[in-house]
Structures are given as C-alpha cells and as structure tokens.
Protein backbone atom coordinates (compact mmCIF):
# COMPACT_ATOMS: atom_id res chain seq x y z
CA MET A 1 -39.56 -43.67 4.10
CA LEU A 2 -39.85 -46.84 1.77
CA LEU A 3 -42.71 -46.47 -0.68
CA THR A 4 -44.59 -49.52 -2.19
CA PRO A 5 -45.28 -49.17 -5.81
CA ARG A 6 -49.04 -49.56 -6.45
CA VAL A 7 -49.92 -52.60 -8.55
CA GLN A 8 -52.89 -52.59 -10.34
CA ILE A 9 -55.05 -55.82 -9.66
CA PRO A 10 -56.93 -57.18 -12.87
CA MET A 11 -60.68 -57.13 -12.16
CA LEU A 12 -62.42 -60.52 -13.19
CA PRO A 13 -65.40 -60.31 -15.68
CA SER A 14 -68.70 -59.91 -14.02
CA GLY A 15 -70.27 -62.95 -12.90
CA PHE A 16 -67.10 -64.98 -13.26
CA ALA A 17 -66.66 -66.07 -9.72
CA GLU A 18 -70.42 -67.22 -9.78
CA ALA A 19 -70.08 -69.12 -12.86
CA TRP A 20 -66.75 -70.80 -11.80
CA SER A 21 -68.49 -72.00 -8.59
CA GLN A 22 -71.42 -73.30 -10.59
CA LYS A 23 -69.21 -75.15 -12.78
CA GLU A 24 -67.01 -76.83 -9.93
CA THR A 25 -70.08 -78.05 -8.06
CA GLN A 26 -71.73 -79.48 -10.86
CA ILE A 27 -72.50 -83.12 -10.75
CA MET A 28 -70.73 -85.34 -13.08
CA PRO A 29 -72.71 -88.55 -14.29
CA THR A 30 -71.99 -91.71 -12.68
CA PRO A 31 -71.56 -94.88 -14.99
CA ARG A 32 -73.09 -98.08 -14.02
CA ILE A 33 -71.00 -100.51 -12.35
CA ALA A 34 -71.11 -103.66 -14.57
CA GLN A 35 -69.08 -105.71 -12.21
CA LYS A 36 -66.74 -105.29 -9.29
CA SER A 37 -63.85 -106.93 -10.82
CA PRO A 38 -61.72 -106.53 -13.99
CA PHE A 39 -62.53 -108.29 -17.36
CA PRO A 40 -59.50 -110.40 -18.45
CA VAL A 41 -59.26 -110.24 -22.48
CA ASP A 42 -56.90 -111.69 -24.76
CA VAL A 43 -56.43 -108.81 -27.17
CA GLU A 44 -54.54 -109.17 -30.47
CA LYS A 45 -51.87 -106.84 -31.74
CA GLY A 46 -52.86 -104.56 -34.36
CA LYS A 47 -56.67 -104.47 -33.45
CA THR A 48 -58.71 -101.70 -31.77
CA TYR A 49 -61.23 -102.27 -29.02
CA PHE A 50 -63.76 -99.98 -27.63
CA TRP A 51 -64.46 -100.03 -24.04
CA CYS A 52 -67.92 -99.36 -22.52
CA ALA A 53 -67.63 -96.29 -20.35
CA CYS A 54 -71.17 -96.02 -19.34
CA GLY A 55 -71.73 -99.62 -18.09
CA LYS A 56 -74.73 -100.29 -19.83
CA SER A 57 -73.48 -102.49 -22.48
CA ALA A 58 -74.82 -106.10 -22.79
CA ASN A 59 -71.43 -106.81 -24.31
CA GLN A 60 -69.10 -106.06 -21.53
CA PRO A 61 -66.49 -104.91 -21.44
CA PHE A 62 -67.01 -103.59 -24.88
CA CYS A 63 -69.34 -100.94 -26.30
CA ASP A 64 -72.64 -101.92 -28.03
CA GLY A 65 -74.22 -98.50 -28.48
CA SER A 66 -76.16 -98.43 -25.25
CA HIS A 67 -74.76 -95.20 -24.31
CA ALA A 68 -76.76 -93.35 -26.71
CA ASP A 69 -78.97 -91.80 -23.99
CA THR A 70 -75.93 -91.11 -21.67
CA GLU A 71 -73.16 -88.27 -21.69
CA PHE A 72 -70.58 -91.16 -22.05
CA LEU A 73 -68.45 -92.13 -24.95
CA PRO A 74 -66.71 -95.36 -25.56
CA VAL A 75 -62.75 -95.39 -24.91
CA LYS A 76 -60.69 -96.65 -27.88
CA TYR A 77 -58.08 -99.07 -26.94
CA PRO A 78 -55.47 -99.92 -29.75
CA ALA A 79 -53.63 -102.92 -28.97
CA THR A 80 -49.94 -102.55 -29.48
CA GLU A 81 -49.25 -106.18 -28.86
CA SER A 82 -51.06 -109.49 -28.29
CA ALA A 83 -51.43 -110.02 -24.69
CA ARG A 84 -54.08 -110.52 -21.63
CA VAL A 85 -55.29 -107.15 -20.49
CA PHE A 86 -57.82 -106.33 -17.81
CA PHE A 87 -60.40 -104.06 -18.76
CA CYS A 88 -62.11 -102.09 -15.97
CA GLY A 89 -65.57 -103.59 -14.93
CA CYS A 90 -66.48 -100.92 -12.24
CA LYS A 91 -66.04 -98.13 -14.76
CA GLN A 92 -64.47 -95.87 -11.95
CA THR A 93 -60.57 -96.45 -12.98
CA HIS A 94 -58.49 -93.74 -13.38
CA THR A 95 -56.51 -95.32 -16.07
CA LYS A 96 -59.32 -95.76 -18.66
CA PRO A 97 -60.05 -98.33 -19.95
CA LEU A 98 -57.75 -100.54 -17.93
CA CYS A 99 -58.36 -101.74 -14.43
CA ASP A 100 -56.30 -99.96 -11.72
CA GLY A 101 -57.92 -101.73 -8.68
CA THR A 102 -60.54 -99.14 -7.81
CA HIS A 103 -63.11 -101.63 -7.61
CA ASN A 104 -61.62 -102.82 -4.31
CA THR A 105 -62.71 -99.57 -2.68
CA LEU A 106 -66.30 -99.86 -3.56
C-alpha cells in the first residue's frame, strides 16, 4: 500500500480573499478623451515633455495641471532624439505616452 505524505497547506489571513476580490473589482478612473487621433509633435533631443494623462488639459497633448482634482499624473517623456512622435490623444494607449492605435477601436 502506497501512502501519500500529508502536505500542510498554509492558510490565508482572515478576510484576505474578500479584500482581494474587492480590490480586483474596483473601478479604475477613466481619462477624458481629448481626441480620437494622435497628436504629431516634433520633439527636440534633450528636452523633457509631460504628456497629459487625464485628458483635461487645455494644452493637449501636454499637461497644464488640470489633473489636480483627479487620480491621474502626467507621464514624463524624455526625447532621446529630435524626431516627430505621435502622442496619444484618446488617453487609452497601452504604450503611454505614445499612440498605439487604440483610438481606432473606440
């Protein structure tokens, strides 16, 4: 007869599963869509840009501090070369702060 050794399974702290479940179902804030297309910008090597992540800035695609009453923070973009880049306008990109085409699905 083959005996299986008993394995002790660690217990989770009381309330852990409930807290995890609540965390997983929290609604994340949704940024305002500034426009459903990217913002083409000629950036200069060595300069730093701050992309608006909340969508409320009047200076799109850059931050003007309008996020103060939101949970959003601007995203820093240090230009490593002088080039034309396409900053996200819909604020839904997975490659913040640059456009990844997500606006085509909105």
